[in-house]
């Protein structure tokens, strides 16, 4: 019985985390993009600022 309760708690926490991530994605927030292209390795070179010396 204790295992089942722990399972429900972990599943509930995971569901809340996924829900928050989806909500943030819809709002334009993301862990993968902070909106600062000068510090982004995934941006195109023309999007980076001149102060970035990579």
N, C-alpha and C. Protein backbone atom coordinates (compact mmCIF):
# COMPACT_ATOMS: atom_id res chain seq x y z
N UNK A 1 0.82 -1.20 0.00
CA UNK A 1 0.00 0.00 0.00
C UNK A 1 0.87 1.26 0.00
N UNK A 2 1.96 1.25 0.78
CA UNK A 2 2.85 2.40 0.83
C UNK A 2 3.49 2.69 -0.52
N UNK A 3 3.84 1.63 -1.25
CA UNK A 3 4.43 1.80 -2.58
C UNK A 3 3.46 2.50 -3.52
N UNK A 4 2.21 2.12 -3.43
CA UNK A 4 1.18 2.72 -4.28
C UNK A 4 1.02 4.21 -3.98
N UNK A 5 1.07 4.59 -2.72
CA UNK A 5 0.94 6.00 -2.34
C UNK A 5 2.13 6.80 -2.86
N UNK A 6 3.34 6.25 -2.72
CA UNK A 6 4.54 6.91 -3.23
C UNK A 6 4.46 7.04 -4.75
N UNK A 7 3.96 6.00 -5.41
CA UNK A 7 3.79 6.05 -6.86
C UNK A 7 2.85 7.18 -7.26
N UNK A 8 1.75 7.32 -6.54
CA UNK A 8 0.79 8.39 -6.84
C UNK A 8 1.42 9.77 -6.62
N UNK A 9 2.20 9.92 -5.56
CA UNK A 9 2.86 11.20 -5.28
C UNK A 9 3.88 11.55 -6.37
N UNK A 10 4.67 10.59 -6.78
CA UNK A 10 5.67 10.83 -7.83
C UNK A 10 4.99 11.12 -9.16
N UNK A 11 3.96 10.36 -9.49
CA UNK A 11 3.23 10.59 -10.75
C UNK A 11 2.56 11.96 -10.74
N UNK A 12 2.02 12.36 -9.60
CA UNK A 12 1.40 13.69 -9.49
C UNK A 12 2.41 14.81 -9.66
N UNK A 13 3.58 14.65 -9.04
CA UNK A 13 4.64 15.65 -9.17
C UNK A 13 5.12 15.75 -10.62
N UNK A 14 5.27 14.61 -11.28
CA UNK A 14 5.69 14.61 -12.68
C UNK A 14 4.63 15.27 -13.56
N UNK A 15 3.37 15.00 -13.31
CA UNK A 15 2.29 15.60 -14.10
C UNK A 15 2.27 17.12 -13.92
N UNK A 16 2.47 17.59 -12.68
CA UNK A 16 2.51 19.04 -12.44
C UNK A 16 3.70 19.69 -13.13
N UNK A 17 4.84 19.02 -13.12
CA UNK A 17 6.03 19.56 -13.78
C UNK A 17 5.83 19.65 -15.29
N UNK A 18 5.27 18.60 -15.88
CA UNK A 18 5.01 18.60 -17.32
C UNK A 18 3.99 19.67 -17.67
N UNK A 19 2.96 19.81 -16.84
CA UNK A 19 1.93 20.83 -17.09
C UNK A 19 2.55 22.23 -17.07
N UNK A 20 3.44 22.48 -16.12
CA UNK A 20 4.09 23.79 -16.04
C UNK A 20 5.01 24.04 -17.23
N UNK A 21 5.71 23.01 -17.67
CA UNK A 21 6.58 23.15 -18.84
C UNK A 21 5.76 23.47 -20.09
N UNK A 22 4.64 22.80 -20.27
CA UNK A 22 3.78 23.07 -21.42
C UNK A 22 3.20 24.49 -21.35
N UNK A 23 2.80 24.89 -20.16
CA UNK A 23 2.26 26.22 -19.96
C UNK A 23 3.31 27.29 -20.28
N UNK A 24 4.56 27.07 -19.82
CA UNK A 24 5.64 28.00 -20.10
C UNK A 24 5.95 28.06 -21.60
N UNK A 25 5.91 26.91 -22.25
CA UNK A 25 6.19 26.88 -23.69
C UNK A 25 5.14 27.67 -24.47
N UNK A 26 3.88 27.54 -24.09
CA UNK A 26 2.82 28.30 -24.75
C UNK A 26 2.97 29.79 -24.51
N UNK A 27 3.53 30.16 -23.35
CA UNK A 27 3.72 31.56 -23.01
C UNK A 27 5.00 32.13 -23.62
N UNK A 28 5.76 31.30 -24.34
CA UNK A 28 6.98 31.76 -24.99
C UNK A 28 8.21 31.65 -24.12
N UNK A 29 8.07 31.07 -22.95
CA UNK A 29 9.22 30.86 -22.07
C UNK A 29 9.81 29.49 -22.37
N UNK A 30 11.09 29.35 -22.18
CA UNK A 30 11.72 28.07 -22.42
C UNK A 30 13.06 28.00 -21.71
N UNK A 31 13.42 26.83 -21.26
CA UNK A 31 14.73 26.65 -20.66
C UNK A 31 15.82 26.66 -21.72
N UNK A 32 15.49 26.30 -22.93
CA UNK A 32 16.50 26.20 -23.98
C UNK A 32 16.79 27.53 -24.65
N UNK A 33 15.94 28.52 -24.45
CA UNK A 33 16.17 29.81 -25.10
C UNK A 33 15.85 30.93 -24.13
N UNK A 34 16.86 31.70 -23.81
CA UNK A 34 16.66 32.84 -22.92
C UNK A 34 16.43 34.12 -23.69
N UNK A 35 16.46 34.06 -25.00
CA UNK A 35 16.22 35.24 -25.83
C UNK A 35 17.47 36.07 -26.08
N UNK A 36 18.62 35.63 -25.57
CA UNK A 36 19.86 36.37 -25.77
C UNK A 36 20.69 35.64 -26.81
N UNK A 37 20.51 36.00 -28.06
CA UNK A 37 21.17 35.30 -29.16
C UNK A 37 22.69 35.47 -29.14
N UNK A 38 23.19 36.50 -28.47
CA UNK A 38 24.64 36.69 -28.43
C UNK A 38 25.32 35.59 -27.63
N UNK A 39 24.59 34.89 -26.78
CA UNK A 39 25.17 33.83 -25.96
C UNK A 39 24.70 32.44 -26.40
N UNK A 40 24.04 32.37 -27.52
CA UNK A 40 23.44 31.11 -27.98
C UNK A 40 24.32 30.42 -29.01
N UNK A 41 24.62 29.15 -28.77
CA UNK A 41 25.41 28.38 -29.73
C UNK A 41 24.56 27.93 -30.92
N UNK A 42 23.25 28.00 -30.80
CA UNK A 42 22.37 27.54 -31.86
C UNK A 42 21.93 28.63 -32.83
N UNK A 43 22.32 29.87 -32.58
CA UNK A 43 21.91 30.97 -33.44
C UNK A 43 22.80 31.07 -34.68
N UNK A 44 22.27 31.67 -35.69
CA UNK A 44 23.05 31.92 -36.90
C UNK A 44 24.05 33.03 -36.63
N UNK A 45 25.19 33.02 -37.31
CA UNK A 45 26.21 34.04 -37.06
C UNK A 45 25.72 35.47 -37.24
N UNK A 46 24.83 35.71 -38.18
CA UNK A 46 24.35 37.08 -38.40
C UNK A 46 23.41 37.56 -37.30
N UNK A 47 22.92 36.64 -36.46
CA UNK A 47 22.06 37.02 -35.36
C UNK A 47 22.86 37.41 -34.11
N UNK A 48 24.14 37.00 -34.06
CA UNK A 48 24.95 37.29 -32.90
C UNK A 48 25.43 38.74 -32.94
N UNK A 49 25.71 39.27 -31.78
CA UNK A 49 26.21 40.64 -31.74
C UNK A 49 27.69 40.66 -32.05
N UNK A 50 28.22 41.83 -32.33
CA UNK A 50 29.62 41.97 -32.68
C UNK A 50 30.55 41.73 -31.50
N UNK A 51 30.01 41.78 -30.29
CA UNK A 51 30.85 41.58 -29.10
C UNK A 51 31.10 40.11 -28.81
N UNK A 52 30.43 39.22 -29.49
CA UNK A 52 30.61 37.79 -29.28
C UNK A 52 31.77 37.30 -30.14
N UNK A 53 32.80 36.79 -29.52
CA UNK A 53 34.03 36.39 -30.25
C UNK A 53 34.19 34.89 -30.31
N UNK A 54 33.18 34.15 -30.68
CA UNK A 54 33.30 32.70 -30.78
C UNK A 54 33.88 32.29 -32.08
